[in-house]
Amino acid sequence: MVLLLAAAAVVAGAILVAAGRGGELADFPADVAPFGLAKVTAADIALLRPPKSLWGYHPGLTEEALAVIAHAVSERDAEIAQLRSQLAQLPPPAPGGEDTCDG
């Protein structure tokens, strides 16, 4: 009889949780401060060591760091493309100009 009551309590608890009446997990603040990298340099990326959690790296902070890095790389790609297009629009150098070396 006791096992039957325990099984019924477990089934009722599972039904309540499945129906959304089991409560919510608490939202705890992060243990470490966000990265806050305004301008990402190669040194920042080389020295980046995401904080470790119980299993692997802290997922939230690692995702944030990767998003910052991806944003910085895409900004630099856009700047490089713009500079290349400006360079392509320049007139070609005149033959025998300043770039010739006498020697």
PDB file of N, CA and C in Angstrom:
ATOM      1  N   MET A   1       0.809  -1.189   0.000  1.00  0.00           N
ATOM      2  CA  MET A   1       0.000   0.000   0.000  1.00  0.00           C
ATOM      3  C   MET A   1       0.862   1.267   0.000  1.00  0.00           C
ATOM      4  N   VAL A   2       1.965   1.243   0.768  1.00  0.00           N
ATOM      5  CA  VAL A   2       2.855   2.405   0.853  1.00  0.00           C
ATOM      6  C   VAL A   2       3.493   2.680  -0.509  1.00  0.00           C
ATOM      7  N   LEU A   3       3.896   1.613  -1.198  1.00  0.00           N
ATOM      8  CA  LEU A   3       4.493   1.781  -2.520  1.00  0.00           C
ATOM      9  C   LEU A   3       3.486   2.349  -3.514  1.00  0.00           C
ATOM     10  N   LEU A   4       2.263   1.942  -3.391  1.00  0.00           N
ATOM     11  CA  LEU A   4       1.212   2.455  -4.271  1.00  0.00           C
ATOM     12  C   LEU A   4       0.982   3.948  -4.030  1.00  0.00           C
ATOM     13  N   LEU A   5       0.983   4.374  -2.780  1.00  0.00           N
ATOM     14  CA  LEU A   5       0.828   5.792  -2.453  1.00  0.00           C
ATOM     15  C   LEU A   5       2.058   6.601  -2.937  1.00  0.00           C
ATOM     16  N   ALA A   6       3.246   6.047  -2.774  1.00  0.00           N
ATOM     17  CA  ALA A   6       4.459   6.731  -3.230  1.00  0.00           C
ATOM     18  C   ALA A   6       4.449   6.863  -4.747  1.00  0.00           C
ATOM     19  N   ALA A   7       4.037   5.828  -5.445  1.00  0.00           N
ATOM     20  CA  ALA A   7       3.962   5.883  -6.904  1.00  0.00           C
ATOM     21  C   ALA A   7       2.933   6.908  -7.354  1.00  0.00           C
ATOM     22  N   ALA A   8       1.800   6.965  -6.661  1.00  0.00           N
ATOM     23  CA  ALA A   8       0.764   7.942  -7.007  1.00  0.00           C
ATOM     24  C   ALA A   8       1.267   9.358  -6.774  1.00  0.00           C
ATOM     25  N   ALA A   9       2.047   9.572  -5.702  1.00  0.00           N
ATOM     26  CA  ALA A   9       2.603  10.897  -5.422  1.00  0.00           C
ATOM     27  C   ALA A   9       3.611  11.297  -6.493  1.00  0.00           C
ATOM     28  N   VAL A  10       4.421  10.360  -6.938  1.00  0.00           N
ATOM     29  CA  VAL A  10       5.401  10.642  -7.986  1.00  0.00           C
ATOM     30  C   VAL A  10       4.698  10.977  -9.295  1.00  0.00           C
ATOM     31  N   VAL A  11       3.677  10.215  -9.656  1.00  0.00           N
ATOM     32  CA  VAL A  11       2.926  10.465 -10.886  1.00  0.00           C
ATOM     33  C   VAL A  11       2.215  11.812 -10.806  1.00  0.00           C
ATOM     34  N   ALA A  12       1.612  12.124  -9.664  1.00  0.00           N
ATOM     35  CA  ALA A  12       0.930  13.413  -9.511  1.00  0.00           C
ATOM     36  C   ALA A  12       1.931  14.562  -9.610  1.00  0.00           C
ATOM     37  N   GLY A  13       3.096  14.402  -9.002  1.00  0.00           N
ATOM     38  CA  GLY A  13       4.142  15.445  -9.093  1.00  0.00           C
ATOM     39  C   GLY A  13       4.609  15.638 -10.524  1.00  0.00           C
ATOM     40  N   ALA A  14       4.774  14.548 -11.256  1.00  0.00           N
ATOM     41  CA  ALA A  14       5.196  14.646 -12.660  1.00  0.00           C
ATOM     42  C   ALA A  14       4.134  15.346 -13.497  1.00  0.00           C
ATOM     43  N   ILE A  15       2.872  15.063 -13.217  1.00  0.00           N
ATOM     44  CA  ILE A  15       1.783  15.715 -13.956  1.00  0.00           C
ATOM     45  C   ILE A  15       1.749  17.207 -13.658  1.00  0.00           C
ATOM     46  N   LEU A  16       1.936  17.582 -12.391  1.00  0.00           N
ATOM     47  CA  LEU A  16       1.953  19.003 -12.024  1.00  0.00           C
ATOM     48  C   LEU A  16       3.108  19.745 -12.693  1.00  0.00           C
ATOM     49  N   VAL A  17       4.271  19.144 -12.702  1.00  0.00           N
ATOM     50  CA  VAL A  17       5.439  19.776 -13.332  1.00  0.00           C
ATOM     51  C   VAL A  17       5.228  19.882 -14.836  1.00  0.00           C
ATOM     52  N   ALA A  18       4.688  18.846 -15.446  1.00  0.00           N
ATOM     53  CA  ALA A  18       4.445  18.873 -16.887  1.00  0.00           C
ATOM     54  C   ALA A  18       3.393  19.918 -17.252  1.00  0.00           C
ATOM     55  N   ALA A  19       2.465  20.176 -16.349  1.00  0.00           N
ATOM     56  CA  ALA A  19       1.419  21.156 -16.611  1.00  0.00           C
ATOM     57  C   ALA A  19       1.894  22.582 -16.327  1.00  0.00           C
ATOM     58  N   GLY A  20       3.131  22.740 -15.850  1.00  0.00           N
ATOM     59  CA  GLY A  20       3.664  24.070 -15.597  1.00  0.00           C
ATOM     60  C   GLY A  20       3.390  24.583 -14.206  1.00  0.00           C
ATOM     61  N   ARG A  21       2.982  23.727 -13.312  1.00  0.00           N
ATOM     62  CA  ARG A  21       2.676  24.160 -11.958  1.00  0.00           C
ATOM     63  C   ARG A  21       3.797  23.817 -10.974  1.00  0.00           C
ATOM     64  N   GLY A  22       4.946  23.439 -11.498  1.00  0.00           N
ATOM     65  CA  GLY A  22       6.034  23.008 -10.631  1.00  0.00           C
ATOM     66  C   GLY A  22       6.930  24.140 -10.167  1.00  0.00           C
ATOM     67  N   GLY A  23       6.659  25.335 -10.617  1.00  0.00           N
ATOM     68  CA  GLY A  23       7.504  26.461 -10.241  1.00  0.00           C
ATOM     69  C   GLY A  23       8.557  26.715 -11.299  1.00  0.00           C
ATOM     70  N   GLU A  24       9.368  27.719 -11.069  1.00  0.00           N
ATOM     71  CA  GLU A  24      10.425  28.086 -12.012  1.00  0.00           C
ATOM     72  C   GLU A  24      11.775  27.951 -11.358  1.00  0.00           C
ATOM     73  N   LEU A  25      12.783  27.824 -12.185  1.00  0.00           N
ATOM     74  CA  LEU A  25      14.143  27.882 -11.671  1.00  0.00           C
ATOM     75  C   LEU A  25      14.484  29.339 -11.418  1.00  0.00           C
ATOM     76  N   ALA A  26      15.209  29.577 -10.381  1.00  0.00           N
ATOM     77  CA  ALA A  26      15.597  30.949 -10.052  1.00  0.00           C
ATOM     78  C   ALA A  26      16.637  31.449 -11.051  1.00  0.00           C
ATOM     79  N   ASP A  27      16.587  32.733 -11.347  1.00  0.00           N
ATOM     80  CA  ASP A  27      17.541  33.350 -12.260  1.00  0.00           C
ATOM     81  C   ASP A  27      18.652  33.981 -11.420  1.00  0.00           C
ATOM     82  N   PHE A  28      19.800  33.336 -11.393  1.00  0.00           N
ATOM     83  CA  PHE A  28      20.909  33.813 -10.583  1.00  0.00           C
ATOM     84  C   PHE A  28      21.809  34.732 -11.394  1.00  0.00           C
ATOM     85  N   PRO A  29      22.404  35.728 -10.760  1.00  0.00           N
ATOM     86  CA  PRO A  29      23.347  36.586 -11.486  1.00  0.00           C
ATOM     87  C   PRO A  29      24.621  35.811 -11.831  1.00  0.00           C
ATOM     88  N   ALA A  30      25.310  36.291 -12.841  1.00  0.00           N
ATOM     89  CA  ALA A  30      26.536  35.618 -13.283  1.00  0.00           C
ATOM     90  C   ALA A  30      27.619  35.711 -12.204  1.00  0.00           C
ATOM     91  N   ASP A  31      28.462  34.703 -12.147  1.00  0.00           N
ATOM     92  CA  ASP A  31      29.550  34.690 -11.175  1.00  0.00           C
ATOM     93  C   ASP A  31      30.694  35.608 -11.575  1.00  0.00           C
ATOM     94  N   VAL A  32      30.809  35.876 -12.868  1.00  0.00           N
ATOM     95  CA  VAL A  32      31.888  36.729 -13.366  1.00  0.00           C
ATOM     96  C   VAL A  32      31.293  37.868 -14.174  1.00  0.00           C
ATOM     97  N   ALA A  33      32.053  38.938 -14.287  1.00  0.00           N
ATOM     98  CA  ALA A  33      31.587  40.101 -15.040  1.00  0.00           C
ATOM     99  C   ALA A  33      31.621  39.799 -16.533  1.00  0.00           C
ATOM    100  N   PRO A  34      30.745  40.445 -17.328  1.00  0.00           N
ATOM    101  CA  PRO A  34      30.794  40.252 -18.782  1.00  0.00           C
ATOM    102  C   PRO A  34      32.110  40.784 -19.345  1.00  0.00           C
ATOM    103  N   PHE A  35      32.451  40.326 -20.538  1.00  0.00           N
ATOM    104  CA  PHE A  35      33.743  40.680 -21.120  1.00  0.00           C
ATOM    105  C   PHE A  35      33.863  42.174 -21.389  1.00  0.00           C
ATOM    106  N   GLY A  36      32.877  42.787 -21.989  1.00  0.00           N
ATOM    107  CA  GLY A  36      32.893  44.224 -22.208  1.00  0.00           C
ATOM    108  C   GLY A  36      34.024  44.692 -23.091  1.00  0.00           C
ATOM    109  N   LEU A  37      34.331  43.974 -24.130  1.00  0.00           N
ATOM    110  CA  LEU A  37      35.394  44.374 -25.043  1.00  0.00           C
ATOM    111  C   LEU A  37      34.820  45.302 -26.096  1.00  0.00           C
ATOM    112  N   ALA A  38      35.221  46.568 -26.068  1.00  0.00           N
ATOM    113  CA  ALA A  38      34.728  47.521 -27.062  1.00  0.00           C
ATOM    114  C   ALA A  38      35.461  47.321 -28.383  1.00  0.00           C
ATOM    115  N   LYS A  39      36.764  47.369 -28.347  1.00  0.00           N
ATOM    116  CA  LYS A  39      37.591  47.133 -29.529  1.00  0.00           C
ATOM    117  C   LYS A  39      38.394  45.868 -29.286  1.00  0.00           C
ATOM    118  N   VAL A  40      38.165  44.860 -30.081  1.00  0.00           N
ATOM    119  CA  VAL A  40      38.850  43.588 -29.909  1.00  0.00           C
ATOM    120  C   VAL A  40      40.141  43.610 -30.721  1.00  0.00           C
ATOM    121  N   THR A  41      41.231  43.306 -30.069  1.00  0.00           N
ATOM    122  CA  THR A  41      42.514  43.212 -30.758  1.00  0.00           C
ATOM    123  C   THR A  41      42.929  41.746 -30.831  1.00  0.00           C
ATOM    124  N   ALA A  42      43.944  41.489 -31.616  1.00  0.00           N
ATOM    125  CA  ALA A  42      44.444  40.116 -31.724  1.00  0.00           C
ATOM    126  C   ALA A  42      44.950  39.628 -30.374  1.00  0.00           C
ATOM    127  N   ALA A  43      45.533  40.523 -29.591  1.00  0.00           N
ATOM    128  CA  ALA A  43      46.015  40.137 -28.261  1.00  0.00           C
ATOM    129  C   ALA A  43      44.855  39.744 -27.352  1.00  0.00           C
ATOM    130  N   ASP A  44      43.722  40.457 -27.450  1.00  0.00           N
ATOM    131  CA  ASP A  44      42.554  40.113 -26.644  1.00  0.00           C
ATOM    132  C   ASP A  44      42.084  38.694 -26.953  1.00  0.00           C
ATOM    133  N   ILE A  45      42.061  38.360 -28.223  1.00  0.00           N
ATOM    134  CA  ILE A  45      41.596  37.031 -28.623  1.00  0.00           C
ATOM    135  C   ILE A  45      42.602  35.966 -28.204  1.00  0.00           C
ATOM    136  N   ALA A  46      43.900  36.269 -28.357  1.00  0.00           N
ATOM    137  CA  ALA A  46      44.924  35.297 -27.980  1.00  0.00           C
ATOM    138  C   ALA A  46      44.927  35.036 -26.474  1.00  0.00           C
ATOM    139  N   LEU A  47      44.618  36.062 -25.691  1.00  0.00           N
ATOM    140  CA  LEU A  47      44.646  35.918 -24.233  1.00  0.00           C
ATOM    141  C   LEU A  47      43.306  35.522 -23.634  1.00  0.00           C
ATOM    142  N   LEU A  48      42.273  35.353 -24.465  1.00  0.00           N
ATOM    143  CA  LEU A  48      40.936  35.025 -23.974  1.00  0.00           C
ATOM    144  C   LEU A  48      40.914  33.633 -23.366  1.00  0.00           C
ATOM    145  N   ARG A  49      40.525  33.555 -22.137  1.00  0.00           N
ATOM    146  CA  ARG A  49      40.331  32.283 -21.449  1.00  0.00           C
ATOM    147  C   ARG A  49      38.962  32.326 -20.786  1.00  0.00           C
ATOM    148  N   PRO A  50      37.943  31.756 -21.448  1.00  0.00           N
ATOM    149  CA  PRO A  50      36.604  31.786 -20.849  1.00  0.00           C
ATOM    150  C   PRO A  50      36.606  31.063 -19.501  1.00  0.00           C
ATOM    151  N   PRO A  51      35.784  31.543 -18.566  1.00  0.00           N
ATOM    152  CA  PRO A  51      35.744  30.877 -17.263  1.00  0.00           C
ATOM    153  C   PRO A  51      35.173  29.474 -17.390  1.00  0.00           C
ATOM    154  N   LYS A  52      35.731  28.575 -16.626  1.00  0.00           N
ATOM    155  CA  LYS A  52      35.268  27.186 -16.679  1.00  0.00           C
ATOM    156  C   LYS A  52      34.106  26.986 -15.730  1.00  0.00           C
ATOM    157  N   SER A  53      33.218  26.133 -16.152  1.00  0.00           N
ATOM    158  CA  SER A  53      32.116  25.748 -15.278  1.00  0.00           C
ATOM    159  C   SER A  53      32.357  24.305 -14.851  1.00  0.00           C
ATOM    160  N   LEU A  54      31.347  23.697 -14.297  1.00  0.00           N
ATOM    161  CA  LEU A  54      31.519  22.338 -13.806  1.00  0.00           C
ATOM    162  C   LEU A  54      31.943  21.396 -14.936  1.00  0.00           C
ATOM    163  N   TRP A  55      31.325  21.556 -16.122  1.00  0.00           N
ATOM    164  CA  TRP A  55      31.659  20.703 -17.258  1.00  0.00           C
ATOM    165  C   TRP A  55      31.948  21.569 -18.447  1.00  0.00           C
ATOM    166  N   GLY A  56      33.213  21.829 -18.708  1.00  0.00           N
ATOM    167  CA  GLY A  56      33.597  22.636 -19.855  1.00  0.00           C
ATOM    168  C   GLY A  56      33.638  24.106 -19.506  1.00  0.00           C
ATOM    169  N   TYR A  57      33.404  24.931 -20.495  1.00  0.00           N
ATOM    170  CA  TYR A  57      33.436  26.370 -20.306  1.00  0.00           C
ATOM    171  C   TYR A  57      32.051  26.898 -19.995  1.00  0.00           C
ATOM    172  N   HIS A  58      32.000  28.048 -19.340  1.00  0.00           N
ATOM    173  CA  HIS A  58      30.725  28.685 -19.007  1.00  0.00           C
ATOM    174  C   HIS A  58      30.042  29.053 -20.319  1.00  0.00           C
ATOM    175  N   PRO A  59      28.913  28.431 -20.643  1.00  0.00           N
ATOM    176  CA  PRO A  59      28.315  28.605 -21.966  1.00  0.00           C
ATOM    177  C   PRO A  59      27.893  30.036 -22.276  1.00  0.00           C
ATOM    178  N   GLY A  60      27.299  30.728 -21.340  1.00  0.00           N
ATOM    179  CA  GLY A  60      26.816  32.079 -21.617  1.00  0.00           C
ATOM    180  C   GLY A  60      27.939  33.046 -21.938  1.00  0.00           C
ATOM    181  N   LEU A  61      28.996  33.007 -21.136  1.00  0.00           N
ATOM    182  CA  LEU A  61      30.113  33.921 -21.363  1.00  0.00           C
ATOM    183  C   LEU A  61      30.913  33.536 -22.599  1.00  0.00           C
ATOM    184  N   THR A  62      31.013  32.240 -22.875  1.00  0.00           N
ATOM    185  CA  THR A  62      31.716  31.813 -24.084  1.00  0.00           C
ATOM    186  C   THR A  62      30.959  32.269 -25.323  1.00  0.00           C
ATOM    187  N   GLU A  63      29.632  32.141 -25.315  1.00  0.00           N
ATOM    188  CA  GLU A  63      28.827  32.619 -26.442  1.00  0.00           C
ATOM    189  C   GLU A  63      28.956  34.125 -26.606  1.00  0.00           C
ATOM    190  N   GLU A  64      28.977  34.858 -25.492  1.00  0.00           N
ATOM    191  CA  GLU A  64      29.130  36.311 -25.558  1.00  0.00           C
ATOM    192  C   GLU A  64      30.484  36.687 -26.159  1.00  0.00           C
ATOM    193  N   ALA A  65      31.533  36.003 -25.731  1.00  0.00           N
ATOM    194  CA  ALA A  65      32.860  36.286 -26.261  1.00  0.00           C
ATOM    195  C   ALA A  65      32.929  35.987 -27.750  1.00  0.00           C
ATOM    196  N   LEU A  66      32.354  34.878 -28.175  1.00  0.00           N
ATOM    197  CA  LEU A  66      32.357  34.536 -29.600  1.00  0.00           C
ATOM    198  C   LEU A  66      31.548  35.532 -30.415  1.00  0.00           C
ATOM    199  N   ALA A  67      30.467  36.052 -29.858  1.00  0.00           N
ATOM    200  CA  ALA A  67      29.669  37.056 -30.563  1.00  0.00           C
ATOM    201  C   ALA A  67      30.449  38.353 -30.717  1.00  0.00           C
ATOM    202  N   VAL A  68      31.176  38.755 -29.670  1.00  0.00           N
ATOM    203  CA  VAL A  68      32.000  39.971 -29.744  1.00  0.00           C
ATOM    204  C   VAL A  68      33.088  39.803 -30.791  1.00  0.00           C
ATOM    205  N   ILE A  69      33.727  38.652 -30.808  1.00  0.00           N
ATOM    206  CA  ILE A  69      34.786  38.382 -31.779  1.00  0.00           C
ATOM    207  C   ILE A  69      34.215  38.364 -33.195  1.00  0.00           C
ATOM    208  N   ALA A  70      33.070  37.726 -33.387  1.00  0.00           N
ATOM    209  CA  ALA A  70      32.455  37.673 -34.717  1.00  0.00           C
ATOM    210  C   ALA A  70      32.080  39.069 -35.191  1.00  0.00           C
ATOM    211  N   HIS A  71      31.579  39.906 -34.296  1.00  0.00           N
ATOM    212  CA  HIS A  71      31.224  41.281 -34.660  1.00  0.00           C
ATOM    213  C   HIS A  71      32.473  42.064 -35.064  1.00  0.00           C
ATOM    214  N   ALA A  72      33.553  41.902 -34.319  1.00  0.00           N
ATOM    215  CA  ALA A  72      34.792  42.613 -34.630  1.00  0.00           C
ATOM    216  C   ALA A  72      35.361  42.163 -35.976  1.00  0.00           C
ATOM    217  N   VAL A  73      35.312  40.864 -36.240  1.00  0.00           N
ATOM    218  CA  VAL A  73      35.831  40.352 -37.512  1.00  0.00           C
ATOM    219  C   VAL A  73      34.982  40.842 -38.676  1.00  0.00           C
ATOM    220  N   SER A  74      33.660  40.875 -38.511  1.00  0.00           N
ATOM    221  CA  SER A  74      32.805  41.347 -39.602  1.00  0.00           C
ATOM    222  C   SER A  74      32.993  42.843 -39.848  1.00  0.00           C
ATOM    223  N   GLU A  75      33.217  43.625 -38.783  1.00  0.00           N
ATOM    224  CA  GLU A  75      33.517  45.054 -38.973  1.00  0.00           C
ATOM    225  C   GLU A  75      34.815  45.240 -39.753  1.00  0.00           C
ATOM    226  N   ARG A  76      35.818  44.468 -39.405  1.00  0.00           N
ATOM    227  CA  ARG A  76      37.106  44.580 -40.102  1.00  0.00           C
ATOM    228  C   ARG A  76      37.000  44.108 -41.542  1.00  0.00           C
ATOM    229  N   ASP A  77      36.224  43.066 -41.796  1.00  0.00           N
ATOM    230  CA  ASP A  77      36.013  42.614 -43.172  1.00  0.00           C
ATOM    231  C   ASP A  77      35.351  43.693 -44.011  1.00  0.00           C
ATOM    232  N   ALA A  78      34.372  44.379 -43.428  1.00  0.00           N
ATOM    233  CA  ALA A  78      33.689  45.463 -44.150  1.00  0.00           C
ATOM    234  C   ALA A  78      34.655  46.609 -44.429  1.00  0.00           C
ATOM    235  N   GLU A  79      35.500  46.937 -43.448  1.00  0.00           N
ATOM    236  CA  GLU A  79      36.475  48.010 -43.645  1.00  0.00           C
ATOM    237  C   GLU A  79      37.500  47.638 -44.719  1.00  0.00           C
ATOM    238  N   ILE A  80      37.958  46.393 -44.712  1.00  0.00           N
ATOM    239  CA  ILE A  80      38.913  45.938 -45.731  1.00  0.00           C
ATOM    240  C   ILE A  80      38.276  45.991 -47.113  1.00  0.00           C
ATOM    241  N   ALA A  81      37.020  45.564 -47.226  1.00  0.00           N
ATOM    242  CA  ALA A  81      36.333  45.609 -48.520  1.00  0.00           C
ATOM    243  C   ALA A  81      36.184  47.048 -49.006  1.00  0.00           C
ATOM    244  N   GLN A  82      35.863  47.963 -48.104  1.00  0.00           N
ATOM    245  CA  GLN A  82      35.732  49.368 -48.484  1.00  0.00           C
ATOM    246  C   GLN A  82      37.075  49.937 -48.943  1.00  0.00           C
ATOM    247  N   LEU A  83      38.150  49.632 -48.236  1.00  0.00           N
ATOM    248  CA  LEU A  83      39.469  50.132 -48.627  1.00  0.00           C
ATOM    249  C   LEU A  83      39.922  49.533 -49.956  1.00  0.00           C
ATOM    250  N   ARG A  84      39.612  48.271 -50.185  1.00  0.00           N
ATOM    251  CA  ARG A  84      39.978  47.652 -51.465  1.00  0.00           C
ATOM    252  C   ARG A  84      39.219  48.296 -52.618  1.00  0.00           C
ATOM    253  N   SER A  85      37.947  48.633 -52.374  1.00  0.00           N
ATOM    254  CA  SER A  85      37.180  49.267 -53.441  1.00  0.00           C
ATOM    255  C   SER A  85      37.711  50.672 -53.719  1.00  0.00           C
ATOM    256  N   GLN A  86      38.115  51.391 -52.683  1.00  0.00           N
ATOM    257  CA  GLN A  86      38.717  52.711 -52.884  1.00  0.00           C
ATOM    258  C   GLN A  86      40.041  52.598 -53.623  1.00  0.00           C
ATOM    259  N   LEU A  87      40.816  51.574 -53.296  1.00  0.00           N
ATOM    260  CA  LEU A  87      42.100  51.357 -53.967  1.00  0.00           C
ATOM    261  C   LEU A  87      41.899  51.016 -55.434  1.00  0.00           C
ATOM    262  N   ALA A  88      40.864  50.257 -55.747  1.00  0.00           N
ATOM    263  CA  ALA A  88      40.590  49.886 -57.137  1.00  0.00           C
ATOM    264  C   ALA A  88      40.151  51.094 -57.956  1.00  0.00           C
ATOM    265  N   GLN A  89      39.592  52.111 -57.321  1.00  0.00           N
ATOM    266  CA  GLN A  89      39.129  53.297 -58.032  1.00  0.00           C
ATOM    267  C   GLN A  89      40.245  54.310 -58.272  1.00  0.00           C
ATOM    268  N   LEU A  90      41.397  54.118 -57.653  1.00  0.00           N
ATOM    269  CA  LEU A  90      42.513  55.046 -57.874  1.00  0.00           C
ATOM    270  C   LEU A  90      43.074  54.858 -59.283  1.00  0.00           C
ATOM    271  N   PRO A  91      43.555  55.953 -59.893  1.00  0.00           N
ATOM    272  CA  PRO A  91      44.153  55.802 -61.218  1.00  0.00           C
ATOM    273  C   PRO A  91      45.494  55.069 -61.101  1.00  0.00           C
ATOM    274  N   PRO A  92      45.882  54.337 -62.155  1.00  0.00           N
ATOM    275  CA  PRO A  92      47.159  53.610 -62.102  1.00  0.00           C
ATOM    276  C   PRO A  92      48.318  54.615 -62.064  1.00  0.00           C
ATOM    277  N   PRO A  93      49.441  54.251 -61.462  1.00  0.00           N
ATOM    278  CA  PRO A  93      50.586  55.161 -61.395  1.00  0.00           C
ATOM    279  C   PRO A  93      51.169  55.395 -62.789  1.00  0.00           C
ATOM    280  N   ALA A  94      51.673  56.606 -63.001  1.00  0.00           N
ATOM    281  CA  ALA A  94      52.275  56.957 -64.293  1.00  0.00           C
ATOM    282  C   ALA A  94      53.611  56.231 -64.437  1.00  0.00           C
ATOM    283  N   PRO A  95      53.928  55.750 -65.657  1.00  0.00           N
ATOM    284  CA  PRO A  95      55.209  55.060 -65.856  1.00  0.00           C
ATOM    285  C   PRO A  95      56.357  56.051 -65.676  1.00  0.00           C
ATOM    286  N   GLY A  96      57.416  55.582 -65.019  1.00  0.00           N
ATOM    287  CA  GLY A  96      58.577  56.427 -64.796  1.00  0.00           C
ATOM    288  C   GLY A  96      58.333  57.461 -63.724  1.00  0.00           C
ATOM    289  N   GLY A  97      57.398  57.215 -62.833  1.00  0.00           N
ATOM    290  CA  GLY A  97      57.047  58.165 -61.784  1.00  0.00           C
ATOM    291  C   GLY A  97      57.990  58.068 -60.597  1.00  0.00           C
ATOM    292  N   GLU A  98      57.501  58.394 -59.419  1.00  0.00           N
ATOM    293  CA  GLU A  98      58.307  58.463 -58.210  1.00  0.00           C
ATOM    294  C   GLU A  98      58.761  57.101 -57.721  1.00  0.00           C
ATOM    295  N   ASP A  99      58.077  56.041 -58.115  1.00  0.00           N
ATOM    296  CA  ASP A  99      58.394  54.720 -57.594  1.00  0.00           C
ATOM    297  C   ASP A  99      59.604  54.083 -58.258  1.00  0.00           C
ATOM    298  N   THR A 100      60.225  54.743 -59.226  1.00  0.00           N
ATOM    299  CA  THR A 100      61.370  54.153 -59.929  1.00  0.00           C
ATOM    300  C   THR A 100      62.631  54.339 -59.084  1.00  0.00           C
ATOM    301  N   CYS A 101      63.464  53.363 -59.113  1.00  0.00           N
ATOM    302  CA  CYS A 101      64.691  53.409 -58.339  1.00  0.00           C
ATOM    303  C   CYS A 101      65.870  53.494 -59.286  1.00  0.00           C
ATOM    304  N   ASP A 102      66.678  54.541 -59.194  1.00  0.00           N
ATOM    305  CA  ASP A 102      67.886  54.686 -60.027  1.00  0.00           C
ATOM    306  C   ASP A 102      69.041  54.050 -59.282  1.00  0.00           C
ATOM    307  N   GLY A 103      69.628  53.094 -59.879  1.00  0.00           N
ATOM    308  CA  GLY A 103      70.733  52.546 -59.127  1.00  0.00           C
ATOM    309  C   GLY A 103      71.369  51.472 -59.834  1.00  0.00           C
TER     310      GLY A 103
END
